[in-house]
Structure formats: structure tokens, C-alpha cells
Protein backbone atom coordinates (compact mmCIF):
# COMPACT_ATOMS: atom_id res chain seq x y z
CA MET A 1 36.14 103.75 70.88
CA LYS A 2 32.42 103.98 70.42
CA ASN A 3 31.13 105.99 67.50
CA ASP A 4 28.75 107.97 69.70
CA LEU A 5 31.73 109.45 71.60
CA LEU A 6 33.66 110.55 68.52
CA GLY A 7 32.12 114.03 68.40
CA TYR A 8 32.70 114.41 72.10
CA TRP A 9 36.40 113.63 71.72
CA VAL A 10 36.68 116.04 68.79
CA ILE A 11 35.31 118.81 71.00
CA VAL A 12 37.73 117.80 73.77
CA GLY A 13 40.62 117.98 71.28
CA LEU A 14 39.56 121.45 70.16
CA LEU A 15 39.28 122.56 73.77
CA ILE A 16 42.80 121.29 74.45
CA LEU A 17 44.02 123.41 71.53
CA LEU A 18 42.10 126.35 73.00
CA GLY A 19 43.88 125.73 76.31
CA CYS A 20 47.23 125.89 74.50
CA VAL A 21 46.16 129.19 72.97
CA GLY A 22 45.31 130.39 76.47
CA ILE A 23 48.82 129.52 77.66
CA LEU A 24 50.33 131.42 74.73
CA VAL A 25 48.08 134.43 75.37
CA SER A 26 49.11 134.41 79.01
CA ALA A 27 52.79 134.13 78.16
CA LYS A 28 52.73 137.00 75.65
CA ALA A 29 50.44 139.28 77.69
CA THR A 30 51.54 142.78 78.48
CA ASP A 31 48.72 143.55 80.90
CA THR A 32 47.27 141.70 83.86
CA ALA A 33 43.80 141.20 82.38
CA MET A 34 45.03 139.22 79.37
CA GLU A 35 47.40 137.21 81.54
CA VAL A 36 44.56 136.20 83.87
CA PHE A 37 42.26 135.47 80.92
CA GLY A 38 44.84 133.14 79.37
CA LEU A 39 45.41 131.31 82.63
CA VAL A 40 41.68 130.90 83.24
CA LEU A 41 41.21 129.59 79.71
CA ALA A 42 44.01 127.07 80.19
CA ALA A 43 42.66 125.98 83.59
CA PHE A 44 39.19 125.49 82.12
CA ALA A 45 40.66 123.30 79.37
CA VAL A 46 42.52 121.17 81.92
CA PHE A 47 39.44 120.67 84.11
CA PHE A 48 37.19 119.96 81.14
CA SER A 49 39.66 117.39 79.82
CA TYR A 50 39.88 115.74 83.23
CA PHE A 51 36.11 115.42 83.50
CA ALA A 52 35.88 114.18 79.90
CA ILE A 53 38.27 111.36 80.74
CA HIS A 54 36.40 110.68 83.97
CA ARG A 55 33.06 110.59 82.13
CA THR A 56 34.14 108.15 79.44
CA HIS A 57 36.23 105.77 81.56
CA ARG A 58 33.89 104.91 84.42
């Protein structure tokens, strides 16, 4: 792993944790707005992680 990508992967790791929080928020939601917010947060984390892998492994 190159040293210039280390900060990038740290941010990706934090975003993955944020996606897990989004899944938990969605699972524990009692109203529709929080459920949708959690799912959108989790989907954003998945897409960002996919593009991070795509960007670094070309």
C-alpha cells in the first residue's frame, strides 16, 4: 500500500463505520424519515466504498 493512499483508506474505513451506523438507525427507526435516512446513509457508504476500490485498483 502506498503511503499517499493511507489517509484515503482511513476515510473509507470511517465511512464504512458510518454506513453500519446507518443500518442500525434504519433498523431501530420508529418513523419513516429516519428509516429512509439510515438506508440512504448505508447506500452512500456502499457506493463510496465501491468507487474507492475502483479508484485504487485500476
